[in-house]
C-alpha atoms as a PDB file:
ATOM      1  CA  MET A   1     -66.825 -20.452 -48.924  1.00  0.00           C
ATOM      2  CA  GLN A   2     -65.169 -19.108 -51.934  1.00  0.00           C
ATOM      3  CA  SER A   3     -64.291 -16.208 -50.479  1.00  0.00           C
ATOM      4  CA  TYR A   4     -62.539 -18.052 -47.759  1.00  0.00           C
ATOM      5  CA  LYS A   5     -60.292 -19.546 -49.623  1.00  0.00           C
ATOM      6  CA  SER A   6     -59.366 -16.454 -51.711  1.00  0.00           C
ATOM      7  CA  TRP A   7     -58.745 -14.723 -48.558  1.00  0.00           C
ATOM      8  CA  ARG A   8     -56.418 -17.764 -47.583  1.00  0.00           C
ATOM      9  CA  SER A   9     -54.630 -17.645 -51.249  1.00  0.00           C
ATOM     10  CA  TYR A  10     -54.225 -13.944 -50.553  1.00  0.00           C
ATOM     11  CA  GLN A  11     -52.373 -14.352 -47.175  1.00  0.00           C
ATOM     12  CA  LYS A  12     -50.611 -16.646 -48.269  1.00  0.00           C
ATOM     13  CA  ARG A  13     -49.187 -14.889 -51.160  1.00  0.00           C
ATOM     14  CA  LEU A  14     -48.269 -11.788 -49.007  1.00  0.00           C
ATOM     15  CA  GLN A  15     -46.023 -14.583 -46.385  1.00  0.00           C
ATOM     16  CA  LYS A  16     -44.180 -15.656 -49.443  1.00  0.00           C
ATOM     17  CA  ARG A  17     -43.401 -11.812 -50.424  1.00  0.00           C
ATOM     18  CA  GLU A  18     -42.399 -10.883 -46.809  1.00  0.00           C
ATOM     19  CA  ALA A  19     -40.203 -13.796 -46.643  1.00  0.00           C
ATOM     20  CA  ARG A  20     -37.996 -12.843 -49.770  1.00  0.00           C
ATOM     21  CA  LYS A  21     -38.032  -9.267 -48.847  1.00  0.00           C
ATOM     22  CA  ARG A  22     -36.462 -10.426 -45.331  1.00  0.00           C
ATOM     23  CA  TRP A  23     -34.032 -12.659 -47.179  1.00  0.00           C
ATOM     24  CA  VAL A  24     -32.951  -9.934 -49.436  1.00  0.00           C
ATOM     25  CA  GLN A  25     -32.036  -7.746 -46.585  1.00  0.00           C
ATOM     26  CA  ARG A  26     -30.169 -10.205 -44.360  1.00  0.00           C
ATOM     27  CA  SER A  27     -28.227 -10.465 -47.439  1.00  0.00           C
ATOM     28  CA  LEU A  28     -27.185  -7.230 -47.814  1.00  0.00           C
ATOM     29  CA  TRP A  29     -26.455  -6.959 -44.484  1.00  0.00           C
ATOM     30  CA  ALA A  30     -24.300  -9.772 -44.734  1.00  0.00           C
ATOM     31  CA  LEU A  31     -22.163  -8.372 -47.764  1.00  0.00           C
ATOM     32  CA  THR A  32     -21.898  -5.008 -46.002  1.00  0.00           C
ATOM     33  CA  ILE A  33     -20.292  -6.724 -42.791  1.00  0.00           C
ATOM     34  CA  THR A  34     -18.193  -9.043 -44.619  1.00  0.00           C
ATOM     35  CA  GLY A  35     -16.388  -6.156 -46.292  1.00  0.00           C
ATOM     36  CA  PHE A  36     -16.104  -3.929 -43.751  1.00  0.00           C
ATOM     37  CA  ALA A  37     -14.674  -6.697 -41.881  1.00  0.00           C
ATOM     38  CA  PHE A  38     -12.105  -7.234 -44.373  1.00  0.00           C
ATOM     39  CA  LEU A  39     -11.502  -3.627 -44.596  1.00  0.00           C
ATOM     40  CA  LEU A  40     -10.423  -3.496 -40.954  1.00  0.00           C
ATOM     41  CA  VAL A  41      -8.078  -6.618 -41.139  1.00  0.00           C
ATOM     42  CA  TRP A  42      -6.363  -4.629 -44.007  1.00  0.00           C
ATOM     43  CA  THR A  43      -5.935  -1.658 -42.208  1.00  0.00           C
ATOM     44  CA  VAL A  44      -4.317  -3.081 -39.072  1.00  0.00           C
ATOM     45  CA  LYS A  45      -1.997  -5.816 -40.699  1.00  0.00           C
ATOM     46  CA  GLY A  46      -0.611  -3.164 -42.833  1.00  0.00           C
ATOM     47  CA  GLY A  47      -2.776   0.426 -43.482  1.00  0.00           C
ATOM     48  CA  VAL A  48      -3.183   3.501 -42.376  1.00  0.00           C
ATOM     49  CA  LEU A  49      -4.758   2.434 -38.904  1.00  0.00           C
ATOM     50  CA  SER A  50      -1.381   0.366 -37.973  1.00  0.00           C
ATOM     51  CA  LYS A  51       0.419   3.462 -38.768  1.00  0.00           C
ATOM     52  CA  LEU A  52      -1.640   5.532 -36.540  1.00  0.00           C
ATOM     53  CA  TRP A  53      -0.842   2.973 -33.849  1.00  0.00           C
ATOM     54  CA  GLU A  54       2.580   3.351 -33.812  1.00  0.00           C
ATOM     55  CA  GLY A  55       2.344   7.063 -33.775  1.00  0.00           C
ATOM     56  CA  THR A  56       0.197   6.968 -30.577  1.00  0.00           C
ATOM     57  CA  SER A  57       1.847   4.188 -28.799  1.00  0.00           C
ATOM     58  CA  HIS A  58       5.131   6.197 -29.286  1.00  0.00           C
ATOM     59  CA  VAL A  59       3.530   9.550 -27.683  1.00  0.00           C
ATOM     60  CA  THR A  60       1.925   7.159 -24.985  1.00  0.00           C
ATOM     61  CA  ARG A  61       5.635   5.675 -24.134  1.00  0.00           C
ATOM     62  CA  GLU A  62       7.175   9.586 -24.158  1.00  0.00           C
ATOM     63  CA  CYS A  63       4.500  10.991 -21.948  1.00  0.00           C
ATOM     64  CA  GLU A  64       4.939   7.743 -19.558  1.00  0.00           C
ATOM     65  CA  GLY A  65       8.479   8.671 -18.985  1.00  0.00           C
ATOM     66  CA  ARG A  66       7.756  12.323 -18.164  1.00  0.00           C
ATOM     67  CA  ILE A  67       4.781  12.164 -15.808  1.00  0.00           C
ATOM     68  CA  ALA A  68       5.427  11.173 -12.209  1.00  0.00           C
ATOM     69  CA  PRO A  69       3.034   8.584 -10.821  1.00  0.00           C
ATOM     70  CA  THR A  70      -0.479  10.170  -9.252  1.00  0.00           C
ATOM     71  CA  THR A  71      -0.730  10.847  -5.338  1.00  0.00           C
ATOM     72  CA  THR A  72      -3.997  10.805  -3.637  1.00  0.00           C
ATOM     73  CA  LEU A  73      -4.371  12.592  -0.932  1.00  0.00           C
ATOM     74  CA  SER A  74      -7.097  11.493   1.951  1.00  0.00           C
ATOM     75  CA  ARG A  75      -9.065  13.666   3.799  1.00  0.00           C
ATOM     76  CA  GLU A  76      -7.534  12.525   7.174  1.00  0.00           C
ATOM     77  CA  GLU A  77      -4.201  13.942   5.079  1.00  0.00           C
ATOM     78  CA  LEU A  78      -5.726  17.061   4.142  1.00  0.00           C
ATOM     79  CA  LYS A  79      -6.988  17.454   7.892  1.00  0.00           C
ATOM     80  CA  GLU A  80      -2.954  17.486   8.806  1.00  0.00           C
ATOM     81  CA  ILE A  81      -1.889  19.803   6.097  1.00  0.00           C
ATOM     82  CA  LEU A  82      -4.299  22.305   5.906  1.00  0.00           C
ATOM     83  CA  ASP A  83      -4.102  25.320   8.375  1.00  0.00           C
ATOM     84  CA  TYR A  84      -7.550  26.643   9.267  1.00  0.00           C
ATOM     85  CA  GLU A  85      -6.094  30.246   9.342  1.00  0.00           C
ATOM     86  CA  THR A  86      -4.920  30.310   5.795  1.00  0.00           C
ATOM     87  CA  LEU A  87      -7.883  28.448   4.693  1.00  0.00           C
ATOM     88  CA  PHE A  88     -10.240  31.401   5.536  1.00  0.00           C
ATOM     89  CA  GLN A  89      -7.822  34.248   5.172  1.00  0.00           C
ATOM     90  CA  ALA A  90      -6.732  33.330   1.451  1.00  0.00           C
ATOM     91  CA  GLU A  91      -7.829  35.360  -1.365  1.00  0.00           C
ATOM     92  CA  GLY A  92     -10.215  33.742  -4.011  1.00  0.00           C
ATOM     93  CA  HIS A  93     -10.326  29.877  -4.019  1.00  0.00           C
ATOM     94  CA  GLU A  94      -7.017  28.904  -4.264  1.00  0.00           C
ATOM     95  CA  ILE A  95      -4.254  27.913  -1.361  1.00  0.00           C
ATOM     96  CA  ALA A  96      -0.842  26.726  -2.032  1.00  0.00           C
ATOM     97  CA  PHE A  97       0.753  24.299   0.211  1.00  0.00           C
ATOM     98  CA  THR A  98       3.855  21.900   0.263  1.00  0.00           C
ATOM     99  CA  HIS A  99       3.253  17.972   1.329  1.00  0.00           C
ATOM    100  CA  ARG A 100       6.166  15.334   1.242  1.00  0.00           C
ATOM    101  CA  GLY A 101       8.683  17.842  -0.644  1.00  0.00           C
ATOM    102  CA  ARG A 102       5.974  18.784  -3.533  1.00  0.00           C
ATOM    103  CA  SER A 103       4.030  21.659  -4.457  1.00  0.00           C
ATOM    104  CA  PHE A 104      -0.075  21.515  -4.551  1.00  0.00           C
ATOM    105  CA  THR A 105      -2.795  24.112  -5.030  1.00  0.00           C
ATOM    106  CA  ALA A 106      -6.039  23.246  -3.410  1.00  0.00           C
ATOM    107  CA  GLU A 107      -9.092  24.614  -4.986  1.00  0.00           C
ATOM    108  CA  THR A 108     -11.835  25.647  -2.548  1.00  0.00           C
ATOM    109  CA  THR A 109     -15.302  25.684  -2.784  1.00  0.00           C
ATOM    110  CA  LEU A 110     -15.652  28.936  -1.233  1.00  0.00           C
ATOM    111  CA  ASP A 111     -17.884  31.961  -2.816  1.00  0.00           C
ATOM    112  CA  SER A 112     -15.172  34.376  -2.701  1.00  0.00           C
ATOM    113  CA  GLY A 113     -17.784  37.450  -3.028  1.00  0.00           C
ATOM    114  CA  PHE A 114     -20.131  35.908  -0.210  1.00  0.00           C
ATOM    115  CA  GLN A 115     -17.045  35.103   1.769  1.00  0.00           C
ATOM    116  CA  ASN A 116     -15.639  38.616   1.994  1.00  0.00           C
ATOM    117  CA  TYR A 117     -19.447  40.415   2.594  1.00  0.00           C
ATOM    118  CA  MET A 118     -19.971  37.895   5.539  1.00  0.00           C
ATOM    119  CA  ALA A 119     -16.594  39.098   7.083  1.00  0.00           C
ATOM    120  CA  GLN A 120     -17.470  42.315   6.864  1.00  0.00           C
ATOM    121  CA  ARG A 121     -20.806  41.868   8.401  1.00  0.00           C
ATOM    122  CA  ILE A 122     -19.541  39.195  11.230  1.00  0.00           C
ATOM    123  CA  GLY A 123     -16.379  41.602  11.813  1.00  0.00           C
ATOM    124  CA  GLN A 124     -19.294  44.643  12.940  1.00  0.00           C
ATOM    125  CA  ALA A 125     -20.967  42.219  15.316  1.00  0.00           C
ATOM    126  CA  ARG A 126     -20.919  42.682  19.081  1.00  0.00           C
ATOM    127  CA  SER A 127     -21.092  39.086  20.254  1.00  0.00           C
ATOM    128  CA  LEU A 128     -18.304  37.148  21.600  1.00  0.00           C
ATOM    129  CA  MET A 129     -18.424  34.741  19.428  1.00  0.00           C
ATOM    130  CA  VAL A 130     -19.858  34.355  16.134  1.00  0.00           C
ATOM    131  CA  GLY A 131     -19.731  31.326  13.511  1.00  0.00           C
ATOM    132  CA  PHE A 132     -21.629  31.391  10.020  1.00  0.00           C
ATOM    133  CA  VAL A 133     -21.828  28.445   7.418  1.00  0.00           C
ATOM    134  CA  ALA A 134     -23.710  28.516   4.231  1.00  0.00           C
ATOM    135  CA  LEU A 135     -23.555  25.481   1.937  1.00  0.00           C
ATOM    136  CA  ASP A 136     -25.228  23.680  -1.308  1.00  0.00           C
ATOM    137  CA  PRO A 137     -27.680  21.384   0.518  1.00  0.00           C
ATOM    138  CA  ALA A 138     -27.310  19.086  -2.317  1.00  0.00           C
ATOM    139  CA  THR A 139     -23.536  18.696  -2.697  1.00  0.00           C
ATOM    140  CA  GLY A 140     -22.526  19.724   0.659  1.00  0.00           C
ATOM    141  CA  HIS A 141     -20.247  22.098  -0.847  1.00  0.00           C
ATOM    142  CA  VAL A 142     -19.317  25.280   1.774  1.00  0.00           C
ATOM    143  CA  LEU A 143     -20.148  28.510   0.055  1.00  0.00           C
ATOM    144  CA  SER A 144     -19.176  30.579   3.316  1.00  0.00           C
ATOM    145  CA  MET A 145     -17.403  29.752   6.369  1.00  0.00           C
ATOM    146  CA  VAL A 146     -16.468  32.921   8.599  1.00  0.00           C
ATOM    147  CA  GLU A 147     -16.053  33.582  12.513  1.00  0.00           C
ATOM    148  CA  ALA A 148     -15.259  36.124  15.102  1.00  0.00           C
ATOM    149  CA  ASN A 149     -13.866  35.082  18.384  1.00  0.00           C
ATOM    150  CA  ASN A 150     -13.494  37.991  20.995  1.00  0.00           C
ATOM    151  CA  LEU A 151     -13.611  34.996  23.457  1.00  0.00           C
ATOM    152  CA  ASP A 152     -10.949  32.973  23.325  1.00  0.00           C
ATOM    153  CA  GLY A 153      -8.906  33.550  19.983  1.00  0.00           C
ATOM    154  CA  THR A 154      -7.665  29.871  19.903  1.00  0.00           C
ATOM    155  CA  GLN A 155     -10.895  28.546  19.564  1.00  0.00           C
ATOM    156  CA  LYS A 156     -12.067  27.484  16.017  1.00  0.00           C
ATOM    157  CA  VAL A 157     -15.628  28.699  16.154  1.00  0.00           C
ATOM    158  CA  CYS A 158     -17.333  26.840  12.955  1.00  0.00           C
ATOM    159  CA  VAL A 159     -15.940  23.405  13.844  1.00  0.00           C
ATOM    160  CA  SER A 160     -16.559  23.785  17.774  1.00  0.00           C
ATOM    161  CA  SER A 161     -19.557  22.265  19.240  1.00  0.00           C
ATOM    162  CA  CYS A 162     -19.452  24.295  22.558  1.00  0.00           C
ATOM    163  CA  PHE A 163     -22.829  26.179  21.475  1.00  0.00           C
ATOM    164  CA  PRO A 164     -26.207  24.664  22.864  1.00  0.00           C
ATOM    165  CA  ALA A 165     -28.158  23.029  20.296  1.00  0.00           C
ATOM    166  CA  ALA A 166     -31.309  24.826  21.380  1.00  0.00           C
ATOM    167  CA  SER A 167     -34.073  24.794  19.152  1.00  0.00           C
ATOM    168  CA  VAL A 168     -32.231  24.032  16.316  1.00  0.00           C
ATOM    169  CA  PHE A 169     -32.960  20.505  17.688  1.00  0.00           C
ATOM    170  CA  LYS A 170     -36.617  20.582  16.875  1.00  0.00           C
ATOM    171  CA  ILE A 171     -35.711  19.857  13.523  1.00  0.00           C
ATOM    172  CA  VAL A 172     -34.567  16.509  14.468  1.00  0.00           C
ATOM    173  CA  ALA A 173     -37.813  16.229  16.772  1.00  0.00           C
ATOM    174  CA  ALA A 174     -39.984  17.418  14.069  1.00  0.00           C
ATOM    175  CA  ALA A 175     -38.252  14.636  11.593  1.00  0.00           C
ATOM    176  CA  ALA A 176     -38.694  11.903  13.901  1.00  0.00           C
ATOM    177  CA  ALA A 177     -42.432  12.859  14.855  1.00  0.00           C
ATOM    178  CA  ILE A 178     -43.416  12.602  11.344  1.00  0.00           C
ATOM    179  CA  ASP A 179     -41.289   9.545  10.190  1.00  0.00           C
ATOM    180  CA  GLY A 180     -41.308   7.201  13.490  1.00  0.00           C
ATOM    181  CA  ARG A 181     -44.672   8.394  14.583  1.00  0.00           C
ATOM    182  CA  GLY A 182     -46.512   9.102  11.342  1.00  0.00           C
ATOM    183  CA  ILE A 183     -47.565  12.572  12.787  1.00  0.00           C
ATOM    184  CA  SER A 184     -48.560  15.044   9.741  1.00  0.00           C
ATOM    185  CA  PRO A 185     -47.488  18.788   9.572  1.00  0.00           C
ATOM    186  CA  ASP A 186     -51.499  19.465   9.744  1.00  0.00           C
ATOM    187  CA  THR A 187     -51.729  17.235  13.038  1.00  0.00           C
ATOM    188  CA  LYS A 188     -53.265  19.641  15.993  1.00  0.00           C
ATOM    189  CA  LEU A 189     -51.174  19.712  19.097  1.00  0.00           C
ATOM    190  CA  ALA A 190     -52.300  21.122  22.445  1.00  0.00           C
ATOM    191  CA  TYR A 191     -50.660  22.923  25.107  1.00  0.00           C
ATOM    192  CA  ASN A 192     -51.240  25.390  27.946  1.00  0.00           C
ATOM    193  CA  GLY A 193     -49.476  28.715  29.168  1.00  0.00           C
ATOM    194  CA  ARG A 194     -46.887  30.478  26.836  1.00  0.00           C
ATOM    195  CA  SER A 195     -45.150  29.451  23.778  1.00  0.00           C
ATOM    196  CA  HIS A 196     -41.154  29.838  25.158  1.00  0.00           C
ATOM    197  CA  THR A 197     -41.445  28.417  28.617  1.00  0.00           C
ATOM    198  CA  LEU A 198     -41.137  24.714  29.745  1.00  0.00           C
ATOM    199  CA  TYR A 199     -42.618  23.992  32.965  1.00  0.00           C
ATOM    200  CA  LYS A 200     -44.111  20.778  34.345  1.00  0.00           C
ATOM    201  CA  SER A 201     -47.343  21.930  34.745  1.00  0.00           C
ATOM    202  CA  GLN A 202     -47.491  22.321  30.751  1.00  0.00           C
ATOM    203  CA  LEU A 203     -46.812  18.972  30.168  1.00  0.00           C
ATOM    204  CA  THR A 204     -49.740  17.293  31.043  1.00  0.00           C
ATOM    205  CA  ASN A 205     -52.370  15.866  28.885  1.00  0.00           C
ATOM    206  CA  GLN A 206     -55.266  17.912  30.442  1.00  0.00           C
ATOM    207  CA  THR A 207     -57.027  20.240  28.483  1.00  0.00           C
ATOM    208  CA  ASN A 208     -59.482  23.148  29.358  1.00  0.00           C
ATOM    209  CA  ARG A 209     -60.904  26.377  27.907  1.00  0.00           C
ATOM    210  CA  TYR A 210     -57.584  27.895  28.144  1.00  0.00           C
ATOM    211  CA  THR A 211     -55.941  25.139  25.959  1.00  0.00           C
ATOM    212  CA  ASN A 212     -54.302  26.170  22.900  1.00  0.00           C
ATOM    213  CA  ARG A 213     -53.991  24.118  19.802  1.00  0.00           C
ATOM    214  CA  VAL A 214     -51.595  24.402  16.790  1.00  0.00           C
ATOM    215  CA  THR A 215     -50.521  22.281  14.257  1.00  0.00           C
ATOM    216  CA  LEU A 216     -47.325  20.696  13.790  1.00  0.00           C
ATOM    217  CA  LYS A 217     -46.372  22.703  11.251  1.00  0.00           C
ATOM    218  CA  ASP A 218     -47.213  26.121  12.803  1.00  0.00           C
ATOM    219  CA  CYS A 219     -45.672  24.675  16.116  1.00  0.00           C
ATOM    220  CA  PHE A 220     -42.519  24.209  14.771  1.00  0.00           C
ATOM    221  CA  ALA A 221     -42.440  27.782  12.338  1.00  0.00           C
ATOM    222  CA  LYS A 222     -43.010  29.177  16.075  1.00  0.00           C
ATOM    223  CA  SER A 223     -40.623  27.019  18.117  1.00  0.00           C
ATOM    224  CA  ILE A 224     -43.496  26.736  20.544  1.00  0.00           C
ATOM    225  CA  ASN A 225     -41.422  24.592  23.674  1.00  0.00           C
ATOM    226  CA  PRO A 226     -44.405  23.038  25.412  1.00  0.00           C
ATOM    227  CA  ALA A 227     -45.641  21.462  22.333  1.00  0.00           C
ATOM    228  CA  PHE A 228     -42.314  19.982  21.098  1.00  0.00           C
ATOM    229  CA  GLY A 229     -42.030  18.656  25.299  1.00  0.00           C
ATOM    230  CA  LYS A 230     -45.234  17.164  25.203  1.00  0.00           C
ATOM    231  CA  LEU A 231     -43.872  15.360  21.701  1.00  0.00           C
ATOM    232  CA  GLY A 232     -41.044  14.353  23.444  1.00  0.00           C
ATOM    233  CA  ILE A 233     -42.761  12.697  26.566  1.00  0.00           C
ATOM    234  CA  PHE A 234     -45.906  11.206  24.762  1.00  0.00           C
ATOM    235  CA  GLU A 235     -44.611   9.988  21.221  1.00  0.00           C
ATOM    236  CA  LEU A 236     -40.867  10.460  20.930  1.00  0.00           C
ATOM    237  CA  ARG A 237     -39.654   9.323  24.515  1.00  0.00           C
ATOM    238  CA  LYS A 238     -35.846   7.950  24.633  1.00  0.00           C
ATOM    239  CA  GLU A 239     -35.786   5.611  21.926  1.00  0.00           C
ATOM    240  CA  LEU A 240     -36.656   7.652  19.370  1.00  0.00           C
ATOM    241  CA  LEU A 241     -35.270  10.711  20.358  1.00  0.00           C
ATOM    242  CA  GLU A 242     -31.663   8.796  20.439  1.00  0.00           C
ATOM    243  CA  SER A 243     -32.150   7.334  17.337  1.00  0.00           C
ATOM    244  CA  TYR A 244     -32.945  10.193  15.250  1.00  0.00           C
ATOM    245  CA  ALA A 245     -29.980  12.390  17.134  1.00  0.00           C
ATOM    246  CA  ARG A 246     -27.925   9.760  15.646  1.00  0.00           C
ATOM    247  CA  ARG A 247     -29.371   9.929  12.306  1.00  0.00           C
ATOM    248  CA  PHE A 248     -28.800  13.702  12.341  1.00  0.00           C
ATOM    249  CA  GLY A 249     -25.087  13.213  13.006  1.00  0.00           C
ATOM    250  CA  PHE A 250     -25.164  13.744  17.098  1.00  0.00           C
ATOM    251  CA  ASN A 251     -22.524  11.598  18.432  1.00  0.00           C
ATOM    252  CA  GLU A 252     -21.251  10.490  15.535  1.00  0.00           C
ATOM    253  CA  ALA A 253     -17.899  11.858  13.298  1.00  0.00           C
ATOM    254  CA  ILE A 254     -18.379  14.585  10.516  1.00  0.00           C
ATOM    255  CA  ASP A 255     -16.511  13.626   7.720  1.00  0.00           C
ATOM    256  CA  PHE A 256     -14.905  17.309   6.403  1.00  0.00           C
ATOM    257  CA  GLU A 257     -11.256  18.071   5.345  1.00  0.00           C
ATOM    258  CA  LEU A 258     -10.851  20.005   8.611  1.00  0.00           C
ATOM    259  CA  PRO A 259     -11.348  18.278  12.387  1.00  0.00           C
ATOM    260  CA  VAL A 260     -14.595  19.148  13.750  1.00  0.00           C
ATOM    261  CA  GLU A 261     -15.854  18.478  17.277  1.00  0.00           C
ATOM    262  CA  LEU A 262     -18.390  16.100  17.573  1.00  0.00           C
ATOM    263  CA  SER A 263     -21.647  17.290  18.569  1.00  0.00           C
ATOM    264  CA  ARG A 264     -23.129  15.651  21.690  1.00  0.00           C
ATOM    265  CA  ILE A 265     -26.520  14.429  23.038  1.00  0.00           C
ATOM    266  CA  SER A 266     -27.153  12.396  26.116  1.00  0.00           C
ATOM    267  CA  VAL A 267     -30.978  11.611  27.060  1.00  0.00           C
ATOM    268  CA  ALA A 268     -31.607  10.455  30.570  1.00  0.00           C
ATOM    269  CA  ASP A 269     -34.178   7.937  31.973  1.00  0.00           C
ATOM    270  CA  ASP A 270     -36.415  10.815  32.897  1.00  0.00           C
ATOM    271  CA  ASP A 271     -39.490  11.895  30.855  1.00  0.00           C
ATOM    272  CA  TYR A 272     -38.994  15.948  31.783  1.00  0.00           C
ATOM    273  CA  HIS A 273     -35.475  15.345  30.608  1.00  0.00           C
ATOM    274  CA  TRP A 274     -37.273  13.957  27.203  1.00  0.00           C
ATOM    275  CA  ALA A 275     -39.181  17.236  27.108  1.00  0.00           C
ATOM    276  CA  GLU A 276     -36.057  19.184  27.437  1.00  0.00           C
ATOM    277  CA  ILE A 277     -34.126  17.388  24.485  1.00  0.00           C
ATOM    278  CA  ALA A 278     -37.275  17.680  21.833  1.00  0.00           C
ATOM    279  CA  CYS A 279     -37.505  21.193  22.322  1.00  0.00           C
ATOM    280  CA  GLY A 280     -33.857  21.972  22.920  1.00  0.00           C
ATOM    281  CA  PHE A 281     -34.554  23.709  26.360  1.00  0.00           C
ATOM    282  CA  ASN A 282     -31.296  22.561  27.747  1.00  0.00           C
ATOM    283  CA  ARG A 283     -27.740  23.196  27.496  1.00  0.00           C
ATOM    284  CA  GLU A 284     -26.217  19.942  27.352  1.00  0.00           C
ATOM    285  CA  THR A 285     -27.135  19.182  23.733  1.00  0.00           C
ATOM    286  CA  SER A 286     -24.069  20.686  22.068  1.00  0.00           C
ATOM    287  CA  ILE A 287     -23.405  21.698  18.412  1.00  0.00           C
ATOM    288  CA  SER A 288     -21.024  23.384  15.770  1.00  0.00           C
ATOM    289  CA  PRO A 289     -21.838  25.969  13.113  1.00  0.00           C
ATOM    290  CA  LEU A 290     -20.976  23.681  10.645  1.00  0.00           C
ATOM    291  CA  HIS A 291     -23.548  20.936  11.894  1.00  0.00           C
ATOM    292  CA  GLY A 292     -26.107  23.066  12.208  1.00  0.00           C
ATOM    293  CA  ALA A 293     -26.016  24.113   8.644  1.00  0.00           C
ATOM    294  CA  LEU A 294     -25.889  20.446   7.530  1.00  0.00           C
ATOM    295  CA  LEU A 295     -29.421  20.084   9.826  1.00  0.00           C
ATOM    296  CA  ALA A 296     -31.013  22.683   7.876  1.00  0.00           C
ATOM    297  CA  GLY A 297     -29.798  21.161   4.529  1.00  0.00           C
ATOM    298  CA  THR A 298     -30.738  17.709   5.411  1.00  0.00           C
ATOM    299  CA  ILE A 299     -34.699  19.030   5.473  1.00  0.00           C
ATOM    300  CA  ILE A 300     -34.035  20.849   2.080  1.00  0.00           C
ATOM    301  CA  ASN A 301     -32.375  17.765   0.573  1.00  0.00           C
ATOM    302  CA  ASP A 302     -35.281  15.358   0.963  1.00  0.00           C
ATOM    303  CA  GLY A 303     -33.703  13.922   4.541  1.00  0.00           C
ATOM    304  CA  LYS A 304     -30.281  12.991   3.157  1.00  0.00           C
ATOM    305  CA  LEU A 305     -27.285  14.034   5.024  1.00  0.00           C
ATOM    306  CA  VAL A 306     -24.383  14.791   3.033  1.00  0.00           C
ATOM    307  CA  SER A 307     -20.783  15.293   4.152  1.00  0.00           C
ATOM    308  CA  PRO A 308     -19.786  18.843   3.820  1.00  0.00           C
ATOM    309  CA  VAL A 309     -16.893  19.887   1.185  1.00  0.00           C
ATOM    310  CA  ILE A 310     -14.402  22.819   1.466  1.00  0.00           C
ATOM    311  CA  VAL A 311     -11.810  20.956  -1.022  1.00  0.00           C
ATOM    312  CA  ASP A 312     -13.186  20.543  -4.411  1.00  0.00           C
ATOM    313  CA  PHE A 313      -9.904  19.376  -6.079  1.00  0.00           C
ATOM    314  CA  VAL A 314      -5.876  19.450  -5.472  1.00  0.00           C
ATOM    315  CA  VAL A 315      -3.272  19.543  -8.312  1.00  0.00           C
ATOM    316  CA  ASP A 316       0.403  19.709  -8.398  1.00  0.00           C
ATOM    317  CA  SER A 317       2.361  21.494 -10.490  1.00  0.00           C
ATOM    318  CA  GLN A 318       2.077  18.960 -13.419  1.00  0.00           C
END
């Protein structure tokens, strides 16, 4: 009992000591803040700070009289201003142009070394039309965008959607299968016959001793048409094919500083057509090289489809 009372007394002494310490600390803080407030009032009214403020205000007023109001250029305006050929033939990053009587300089995102290298490579190509686009998947910054057109010199290849999407559309179909149907990359898919054909006889659920079984991951890597065709018929069907095509930018305008033709897709009410769409075995689903680069970038960028950017910023003479 005696020890208990001694312990209680000890605790009370500790509590009083802590209370006195807190009171002293608060008093010191209050004195410090009061002194600082007094000093601040004095400097604002007639001390150093007021003189500095007067000097700064004078400089600000002088600058306001000299600098013209800021002009904002939208992407829609840049589409009308920027010349497609000039943009890709310019040396280095900068492109000079005039708009509404004022001179501007556009700084592009293009990597001049990469751009020159690809221009030389594509210049040696024997194809009638070639378009190459490389971009940063996280930012959408276009690093290289070059083309050659020996068929119709007026057509802008990289932003033209005259090309069949072909097996590039397997990116969309694979994403729809994983995200929309819960199929994993290691799910086994069965198919009969050759890998790069698409006969109706290959699109049944019947299996036999000649049936091949391959994971979705390997099926995508090897671009196996009948396996993707069966995905289109039995798993994705019209609704998911249309939905994920839109999510990946088909039939949707691409926001860019240059006009880009719409990538097109139309899904009929026919199961064989679903198979053709899913594996890209048709000529109706069309895409531009720029959009193709965006599709690849979407997978690398954790499913985020970014808008492409080729103009980093624009400055005027000031």
